[in-house]
Amino acid sequence: MDGLRGIAALVVVACHVLSTLPTIGRAVFDDRSEALSSEEAWAVFSPLHLLWNGTPAVHVFFVLSGFVLVLPFTRVGAVHRWAPYYAKRLLRLYLPAWAALALAVALIALIPRTASPLQSSWANMYVIHPSAGQVAKDGLLLLSASTINTPLWSLKWEVMFSLLLPVYVVIALRWRRLWLVKLGVALLLAVMGAVQHVDWLTYLPIFAIGAVLGVERTRIRDLTRSWPRPVWVPVAAAGLLLANAEWFSRERPILGVEALVTLGATLIVVVFLLCEPAKKLGDTAGAQWLGRVSFSLYLVHLPIILAGVTLLRSVSLPLALAVSVGASFVAAELFHRYVERPSQRLSIAVGRAVERAVDRRVRRDERVEEPAAAPEAPPVRELTDAGSGQR
């Protein structure tokens, strides 16, 4: 799963790199009828697009978040302590996000973004002069992100899912025999959200799919254990095809195509969970490194790419992109070491402190609620028959 997360982060980086190219950026974000060279047409309107299609990569992130966050609650005897969880989870999300936002603002101040015909209209869209209000709004992570550091848009849904995790845990852990029904309902809700263009109904059910997969992982593994390896080929192909459904042709995609992307992302996660060749791919050293720095890479790469392009596009746009990608990988490693990991350690320490505080409060409340001890009875005296001397 870590390797899959790393691969998905790399796909997002590739998406932003290729989208910076003038003709590809216009074809993807402005006009599908844009005249493309044969190589560009293959990159956009063929299965090759999956290698740099950021939308299904984000859907994979959401499925994985649902999968991973529900796991601690599936352990036998797990105690649901929500106060420590919220302390850890919110610090884990907010501290790196704030640091990445500060990095983006600093890069814009150092290398102001400007529009240019040498880059795509998509890249020109990111020209911005951040105000304090925009920075504060983006830092909340609960409102639509500006173009200061656009990848923060997905953290809005990560935070909302994290706040609503108790609901997801109840849904995933109850009515276990209806797990297929729960998956179907979640997908149906995603379809409704995609058709009606309701963002929360499009994205929040994706986390539910991941949560159900996490709870039922052993059941699903048992059901597929006897499958011969060739069966996984059409499953993987279906996942990849559906994940790329938006780019089957130059025609506008069907209404609600995002739900097909969700289904494709779910199948991809299942393949990496259960199929040995996919698991080996996820366990390679490169995929594991990407997985380790995936959150950092996701947060820092776009401001660095835009700064590099602004600085070097007049020399050579391909050179600018190559330098920016290399700088993004270096920055991701440094950000992981000096921002993400310390944030994680701090979140764990704060979570433990909150848990100890909760334990002390529980013990104090228990002592208060204990009934007062009954008064001791007076000692029984031995009565003696004074006349006979017998007891």
Protein backbone atom coordinates (compact mmCIF):
# COMPACT_ATOMS: atom_id res chain seq x y z
CA MET A 1 0.00 0.00 0.00
CA ASP A 2 2.88 2.40 0.71
CA GLY A 3 4.34 1.63 -2.70
CA LEU A 4 1.00 2.26 -4.40
CA ARG A 5 0.69 5.59 -2.60
CA GLY A 6 4.16 6.52 -3.84
CA ILE A 7 3.33 5.57 -7.43
CA ALA A 8 0.15 7.65 -7.23
CA ALA A 9 2.15 10.65 -5.97
CA LEU A 10 4.55 10.26 -8.89
CA VAL A 11 1.60 10.22 -11.30
CA VAL A 12 0.36 13.52 -9.83
CA VAL A 13 3.81 15.07 -10.37
CA ALA A 14 3.82 13.82 -13.97
CA CYS A 15 0.35 15.30 -14.46
CA HIS A 16 1.49 18.76 -13.43
CA VAL A 17 4.68 18.53 -15.47
CA LEU A 18 2.95 17.61 -18.75
CA SER A 19 0.10 20.04 -18.11
CA THR A 20 2.65 22.85 -18.20
CA LEU A 21 3.38 22.16 -21.89
CA PRO A 22 1.38 24.67 -23.98
CA THR A 23 -0.55 22.40 -26.36
CA ILE A 24 -1.12 19.53 -23.93
CA GLY A 25 -2.23 21.95 -21.21
CA ARG A 26 -4.75 23.57 -23.56
CA ALA A 27 -6.06 20.20 -24.75
CA VAL A 28 -6.53 18.88 -21.23
CA PHE A 29 -7.89 21.94 -19.46
CA ASP A 30 -9.32 24.20 -22.17
CA ASP A 31 -10.25 22.58 -25.48
CA ARG A 32 -10.14 18.88 -26.38
CA SER A 33 -10.19 19.80 -30.07
CA GLU A 34 -6.78 21.48 -29.74
CA ALA A 35 -4.47 20.49 -32.61
CA LEU A 36 -1.92 18.03 -31.27
CA SER A 37 1.04 16.28 -32.78
CA SER A 38 0.77 12.52 -33.08
CA GLU A 39 2.95 12.08 -29.97
CA GLU A 40 0.85 14.53 -27.97
CA ALA A 41 -2.38 12.89 -29.14
CA TRP A 42 -1.07 9.53 -27.96
CA ALA A 43 -0.13 11.04 -24.61
CA VAL A 44 -3.60 12.54 -24.10
CA PHE A 45 -6.08 10.22 -25.86
CA SER A 46 -4.65 6.77 -25.22
CA PRO A 47 -4.01 4.51 -22.22
CA LEU A 48 -0.68 6.33 -21.86
CA HIS A 49 -2.63 9.14 -20.22
CA LEU A 50 -3.02 6.94 -17.15
CA LEU A 51 0.71 7.42 -16.48
CA TRP A 52 0.07 11.11 -15.79
CA ASN A 53 -3.65 11.26 -14.99
CA GLY A 54 -3.83 12.97 -11.62
CA THR A 55 -7.56 12.45 -11.00
CA PRO A 56 -7.50 8.66 -10.43
CA ALA A 57 -4.29 9.06 -8.42
CA VAL A 58 -6.14 11.31 -5.95
CA HIS A 59 -9.03 8.80 -5.84
CA VAL A 60 -6.45 6.12 -4.96
CA PHE A 61 -5.23 8.38 -2.12
CA PHE A 62 -8.78 8.62 -0.78
CA VAL A 63 -9.38 4.85 -0.94
CA LEU A 64 -6.06 4.23 0.82
CA SER A 65 -6.87 6.77 3.55
CA GLY A 66 -10.15 5.02 4.29
CA PHE A 67 -8.38 1.65 4.26
CA VAL A 68 -5.54 2.67 6.58
CA LEU A 69 -7.40 4.79 9.13
CA VAL A 70 -9.96 2.10 9.88
CA LEU A 71 -7.35 -0.63 10.54
CA PRO A 72 -6.62 0.21 14.22
CA PHE A 73 -10.30 -0.23 15.00
CA THR A 74 -10.40 -3.76 13.57
CA ARG A 75 -8.03 -5.17 16.19
CA VAL A 76 -9.49 -7.43 18.83
CA GLY A 77 -10.12 -5.47 22.00
CA ALA A 78 -9.46 -2.12 20.34
CA VAL A 79 -10.54 0.79 22.52
CA HIS A 80 -12.10 3.71 20.68
CA ARG A 81 -10.44 6.74 22.24
CA TRP A 82 -11.41 9.60 19.97
CA ALA A 83 -9.71 12.50 21.75
CA PRO A 84 -6.17 11.07 21.26
CA TYR A 85 -7.03 10.14 17.67
CA TYR A 86 -8.17 13.66 16.78
CA ALA A 87 -5.09 15.19 18.38
CA LYS A 88 -2.76 12.94 16.41
CA ARG A 89 -4.59 13.01 13.11
CA LEU A 90 -5.18 16.75 12.86
CA LEU A 91 -1.62 17.63 13.80
CA ARG A 92 -0.43 15.02 11.30
CA LEU A 93 -2.36 16.77 8.52
CA TYR A 94 -2.18 20.44 9.45
CA LEU A 95 1.47 20.94 10.39
CA PRO A 96 2.93 19.69 7.06
CA ALA A 97 0.17 21.48 5.12
CA TRP A 98 0.98 24.79 6.84
CA ALA A 99 4.70 24.31 6.19
CA ALA A 100 4.03 23.57 2.50
CA LEU A 101 1.80 26.64 2.27
CA ALA A 102 4.58 28.77 3.81
CA LEU A 103 7.05 27.30 1.30
CA ALA A 104 4.74 28.19 -1.59
CA VAL A 105 4.34 31.77 -0.36
CA ALA A 106 8.11 32.11 0.06
CA LEU A 107 8.76 30.82 -3.46
CA ILE A 108 6.20 33.23 -4.93
CA ALA A 109 7.86 36.12 -3.07
CA LEU A 110 11.29 35.02 -4.31
CA ILE A 111 10.25 34.14 -7.87
CA PRO A 112 6.94 35.88 -8.65
CA ARG A 113 4.77 33.86 -11.02
CA THR A 114 4.02 35.54 -14.34
CA ALA A 115 1.97 34.51 -17.36
CA SER A 116 3.81 33.60 -20.55
CA PRO A 117 3.03 32.09 -23.99
CA LEU A 118 5.97 29.77 -23.34
CA GLN A 119 3.82 27.79 -20.90
CA SER A 120 0.26 26.50 -20.98
CA SER A 121 -2.87 28.43 -20.09
CA TRP A 122 -3.17 25.99 -17.20
CA ALA A 123 0.18 27.19 -15.82
CA ASN A 124 -0.86 30.81 -16.38
CA MET A 125 -3.88 30.14 -14.18
CA TYR A 126 -1.53 29.80 -11.19
CA VAL A 127 -0.28 33.38 -11.40
CA ILE A 128 -1.22 34.83 -8.03
CA HIS A 129 -0.10 37.46 -5.55
CA PRO A 130 -1.06 35.92 -2.21
CA SER A 131 -2.88 38.03 0.34
CA ALA A 132 -2.96 37.33 4.06
CA GLY A 133 -6.63 36.45 3.73
CA GLN A 134 -5.96 33.89 1.01
CA VAL A 135 -3.18 32.30 3.04
CA ALA A 136 -5.38 32.12 6.14
CA LYS A 137 -8.25 30.65 4.13
CA ASP A 138 -6.00 28.00 2.57
CA GLY A 139 -4.56 27.19 5.98
CA LEU A 140 -7.98 26.20 7.31
CA LEU A 141 -8.02 23.28 4.84
CA LEU A 142 -11.82 23.26 4.99
CA LEU A 143 -12.50 25.75 2.22
CA SER A 144 -11.65 25.66 -1.47
CA ALA A 145 -7.92 26.12 -1.94
CA SER A 146 -6.57 29.01 -3.98
CA THR A 147 -3.83 28.64 -6.59
CA ILE A 148 -1.08 29.35 -4.05
CA ASN A 149 -0.61 25.59 -3.58
CA THR A 150 -3.54 23.87 -5.25
CA PRO A 151 -2.82 20.28 -4.09
CA LEU A 152 -4.18 21.43 -0.72
CA TRP A 153 -7.68 21.09 -2.24
CA SER A 154 -7.67 17.36 -1.55
CA LEU A 155 -6.76 17.88 2.11
CA LYS A 156 -10.16 19.48 2.59
CA TRP A 157 -11.70 16.04 2.05
CA GLU A 158 -9.00 14.28 4.06
CA VAL A 159 -9.77 16.55 7.02
CA MET A 160 -13.53 16.10 6.67
CA PHE A 161 -13.13 12.33 6.48
CA SER A 162 -10.83 12.41 9.51
CA LEU A 163 -13.38 14.40 11.51
CA LEU A 164 -16.15 11.99 10.49
CA LEU A 165 -14.11 8.82 11.09
CA PRO A 166 -16.34 7.58 13.97
CA VAL A 167 -19.25 7.40 11.50
CA TYR A 168 -17.12 5.52 8.97
CA VAL A 169 -15.95 3.07 11.63
CA VAL A 170 -19.53 2.29 12.66
CA ILE A 171 -20.59 1.78 9.04
CA ALA A 172 -17.59 -0.42 8.25
CA LEU A 173 -17.73 -2.56 11.40
CA ARG A 174 -21.47 -3.20 11.57
CA TRP A 175 -23.57 -5.39 9.29
CA ARG A 176 -20.45 -7.25 8.21
CA ARG A 177 -22.32 -9.74 6.04
CA LEU A 178 -23.65 -6.85 3.96
CA TRP A 179 -20.18 -5.63 2.96
CA LEU A 180 -20.91 -5.91 -0.76
CA VAL A 181 -24.12 -3.92 -0.27
CA LYS A 182 -22.16 -1.23 1.59
CA LEU A 183 -19.65 -1.01 -1.24
CA GLY A 184 -22.49 -0.75 -3.75
CA VAL A 185 -24.24 1.99 -1.78
CA ALA A 186 -21.01 3.99 -1.45
CA LEU A 187 -20.40 3.73 -5.19
CA LEU A 188 -24.02 4.72 -5.90
CA LEU A 189 -23.63 7.80 -3.71
CA ALA A 190 -20.45 8.69 -5.61
CA VAL A 191 -22.39 8.35 -8.88
CA MET A 192 -25.11 10.67 -7.58
CA GLY A 193 -22.52 13.20 -6.46
CA ALA A 194 -20.72 13.10 -9.81
CA VAL A 195 -23.94 13.48 -11.82
CA GLN A 196 -25.23 16.32 -9.63
CA HIS A 197 -21.78 17.95 -9.31
CA VAL A 198 -21.94 17.80 -5.52
CA ASP A 199 -18.36 17.57 -4.34
CA TRP A 200 -18.92 16.18 -0.85
CA LEU A 201 -21.17 13.44 -2.25
CA THR A 202 -18.58 12.66 -4.92
CA TYR A 203 -15.55 12.36 -2.64
CA LEU A 204 -16.61 11.32 0.87
CA PRO A 205 -18.05 7.94 -0.28
CA ILE A 206 -14.62 7.07 -1.68
CA PHE A 207 -13.25 6.95 1.86
CA ALA A 208 -16.15 4.66 2.83
CA ILE A 209 -15.12 2.24 0.09
CA GLY A 210 -11.60 2.16 1.50
CA ALA A 211 -12.92 1.69 5.06
CA VAL A 212 -15.04 -1.31 4.07
CA LEU A 213 -12.10 -2.82 2.16
CA GLY A 214 -9.92 -2.38 5.24
CA VAL A 215 -12.39 -4.12 7.54
CA GLU A 216 -13.10 -6.94 5.09
CA ARG A 217 -9.56 -7.42 3.79
CA THR A 218 -9.24 -10.92 5.25
CA ARG A 219 -12.61 -12.00 3.84
CA ILE A 220 -11.69 -10.63 0.41
CA ARG A 221 -8.30 -12.33 0.56
CA ASP A 222 -9.94 -15.66 1.42
CA LEU A 223 -12.42 -15.28 -1.44
CA THR A 224 -9.68 -14.61 -3.98
CA ARG A 225 -7.01 -16.94 -2.63
CA SER A 226 -7.87 -19.70 -5.09
CA TRP A 227 -7.94 -17.41 -8.11
CA PRO A 228 -5.30 -18.36 -10.68
CA ARG A 229 -2.85 -15.56 -11.43
CA PRO A 230 -4.17 -14.93 -14.98
CA VAL A 231 -7.54 -13.85 -13.52
CA TRP A 232 -5.86 -10.74 -12.15
CA VAL A 233 -4.93 -9.56 -15.63
CA PRO A 234 -8.50 -8.58 -16.66
CA VAL A 235 -9.15 -7.19 -13.16
CA ALA A 236 -6.11 -4.95 -13.39
CA ALA A 237 -6.97 -4.01 -16.98
CA ALA A 238 -10.51 -3.07 -15.95
CA GLY A 239 -9.18 -0.94 -13.12
CA LEU A 240 -6.75 0.91 -15.36
CA LEU A 241 -9.35 1.35 -18.11
CA LEU A 242 -12.02 2.72 -15.79
CA ALA A 243 -9.54 4.98 -14.00
CA ASN A 244 -8.76 6.55 -17.36
CA ALA A 245 -12.41 6.68 -18.51
CA GLU A 246 -12.38 10.45 -18.85
CA TRP A 247 -9.85 10.23 -21.69
CA PHE A 248 -11.24 7.50 -23.93
CA SER A 249 -11.65 9.93 -26.81
CA ARG A 250 -11.77 13.58 -27.83
CA GLU A 251 -15.49 13.63 -27.11
CA ARG A 252 -16.61 15.09 -23.84
CA PRO A 253 -16.84 12.35 -21.18
CA ILE A 254 -20.19 11.05 -20.05
CA LEU A 255 -21.90 12.72 -17.12
CA GLY A 256 -20.78 11.19 -13.85
CA VAL A 257 -17.53 9.80 -15.23
CA GLU A 258 -15.86 10.50 -11.87
CA ALA A 259 -17.73 7.50 -10.43
CA LEU A 260 -16.11 5.25 -13.07
CA VAL A 261 -12.76 6.69 -12.02
CA THR A 262 -13.58 5.81 -8.40
CA LEU A 263 -14.41 2.23 -9.39
CA GLY A 264 -11.18 1.99 -11.35
CA ALA A 265 -9.15 3.34 -8.42
CA THR A 266 -10.82 0.81 -6.10
CA LEU A 267 -9.89 -2.08 -8.40
CA ILE A 268 -6.30 -0.82 -8.55
CA VAL A 269 -6.10 -0.82 -4.75
CA VAL A 270 -7.55 -4.36 -4.61
CA VAL A 271 -4.99 -5.56 -7.17
CA PHE A 272 -2.09 -4.11 -5.15
CA LEU A 273 -3.54 -5.65 -2.00
CA LEU A 274 -4.01 -9.19 -3.33
CA CYS A 275 -2.07 -9.78 -6.57
CA GLU A 276 1.52 -10.94 -6.01
CA PRO A 277 3.12 -9.23 -9.06
CA ALA A 278 1.49 -5.92 -8.11
CA LYS A 279 2.55 -6.38 -4.48
CA LYS A 280 6.13 -6.97 -5.63
CA LEU A 281 5.98 -3.77 -7.68
CA GLY A 282 4.79 -1.89 -4.62
CA ASP A 283 7.60 -3.44 -2.56
CA THR A 284 10.42 -2.32 -4.87
CA ALA A 285 12.92 0.08 -3.37
CA GLY A 286 11.88 2.94 -5.65
CA ALA A 287 8.18 2.56 -4.90
CA GLN A 288 8.87 2.29 -1.17
CA TRP A 289 10.95 5.47 -1.19
CA LEU A 290 8.21 7.26 -3.10
CA GLY A 291 5.69 5.93 -0.61
CA ARG A 292 7.76 7.17 2.33
CA VAL A 293 7.96 10.72 0.95
CA SER A 294 4.63 10.66 -0.94
CA PHE A 295 2.81 13.12 1.32
CA SER A 296 5.75 15.52 1.28
CA LEU A 297 6.17 15.18 -2.48
CA TYR A 298 2.48 15.83 -3.02
CA LEU A 299 2.57 18.96 -0.88
CA VAL A 300 5.72 20.65 -2.22
CA HIS A 301 6.10 19.71 -5.88
CA LEU A 302 3.72 22.14 -7.62
CA PRO A 303 5.12 25.42 -6.15
CA ILE A 304 8.62 24.20 -7.03
CA ILE A 305 7.63 23.28 -10.59
CA LEU A 306 5.96 26.64 -11.15
CA ALA A 307 8.96 28.50 -9.72
CA GLY A 308 11.39 26.52 -11.89
CA VAL A 309 9.32 27.07 -15.01
CA THR A 310 9.04 30.80 -14.33
CA LEU A 311 12.79 31.04 -13.83
CA LEU A 312 14.01 28.89 -16.75
CA ARG A 313 11.25 28.77 -19.40
CA SER A 314 12.92 31.43 -21.54
CA VAL A 315 15.99 29.20 -21.72
CA SER A 316 14.21 25.89 -22.30
CA LEU A 317 10.88 24.65 -20.97
CA PRO A 318 11.95 20.96 -21.00
CA LEU A 319 15.09 21.94 -19.07
CA ALA A 320 12.99 23.94 -16.63
CA LEU A 321 10.70 20.95 -16.04
CA ALA A 322 13.59 18.52 -15.62
CA VAL A 323 15.32 20.76 -13.08
CA SER A 324 12.02 21.35 -11.26
CA VAL A 325 11.24 17.65 -10.98
CA GLY A 326 14.71 16.90 -9.62
CA ALA A 327 14.37 19.76 -7.13
CA SER A 328 10.93 18.45 -6.11
CA PHE A 329 12.36 15.02 -5.24
CA VAL A 330 15.17 16.57 -3.19
CA ALA A 331 12.74 18.93 -1.47
CA ALA A 332 10.36 16.03 -0.73
CA GLU A 333 13.12 14.10 1.03
CA LEU A 334 14.17 17.15 3.06
CA PHE A 335 10.57 18.08 3.84
CA HIS A 336 9.91 14.52 5.00
CA ARG A 337 12.95 14.54 7.29
CA TYR A 338 12.61 17.98 8.80
CA VAL A 339 8.88 18.70 8.65
CA GLU A 340 6.73 15.61 8.16
CA ARG A 341 8.59 13.23 10.49
CA PRO A 342 8.93 15.76 13.33
CA SER A 343 5.24 16.59 12.89
CA GLN A 344 4.42 12.91 13.13
CA ARG A 345 6.52 12.49 16.28
CA LEU A 346 4.90 15.55 17.82
CA SER A 347 1.42 14.28 16.94
CA ILE A 348 2.18 10.93 18.58
CA ALA A 349 3.51 12.64 21.72
CA VAL A 350 0.48 14.92 21.93
CA GLY A 351 -1.84 11.96 21.32
CA ARG A 352 -0.24 10.04 24.17
CA ALA A 353 -0.47 13.06 26.45
CA VAL A 354 -4.16 13.42 25.64
CA GLU A 355 -4.67 9.70 26.26
CA ARG A 356 -2.99 9.92 29.66
CA ALA A 357 -5.16 12.90 30.52
CA VAL A 358 -8.26 10.98 29.49
CA ASP A 359 -7.15 8.00 31.61
CA ARG A 360 -6.62 10.22 34.66
CA ARG A 361 -10.03 11.78 34.20
CA VAL A 362 -11.69 8.37 33.85
CA ARG A 363 -10.01 7.09 37.02
CA ARG A 364 -11.00 10.25 38.89
CA ASP A 365 -14.61 9.93 37.74
CA GLU A 366 -14.65 6.27 38.78
CA ARG A 367 -13.47 7.15 42.28
CA VAL A 368 -16.14 9.83 42.58
CA GLU A 369 -18.85 7.44 41.49
CA GLU A 370 -17.84 4.66 43.92
CA PRO A 371 -20.50 4.25 46.72
CA ALA A 372 -19.45 5.26 50.20
CA ALA A 373 -18.32 2.34 52.34
CA ALA A 374 -20.87 1.08 54.92
CA PRO A 375 -20.01 2.02 58.56
CA GLU A 376 -18.35 -0.74 60.50
CA ALA A 377 -20.56 -2.66 62.98
CA PRO A 378 -19.51 -2.42 66.60
CA PRO A 379 -17.45 -5.37 67.79
CA VAL A 380 -19.45 -8.28 69.21
CA ARG A 381 -18.78 -8.66 72.91
CA GLU A 382 -18.63 -12.07 74.46
CA LEU A 383 -21.41 -12.32 77.01
CA THR A 384 -20.60 -14.28 80.19
CA ASP A 385 -23.08 -15.93 82.49
CA ALA A 386 -22.10 -14.27 85.76
CA GLY A 387 -23.60 -17.00 87.90
CA SER A 388 -22.09 -20.06 86.27
CA GLY A 389 -19.02 -18.54 84.67
CA GLN A 390 -19.97 -20.18 81.35
CA ARG A 391 -20.18 -18.41 78.06
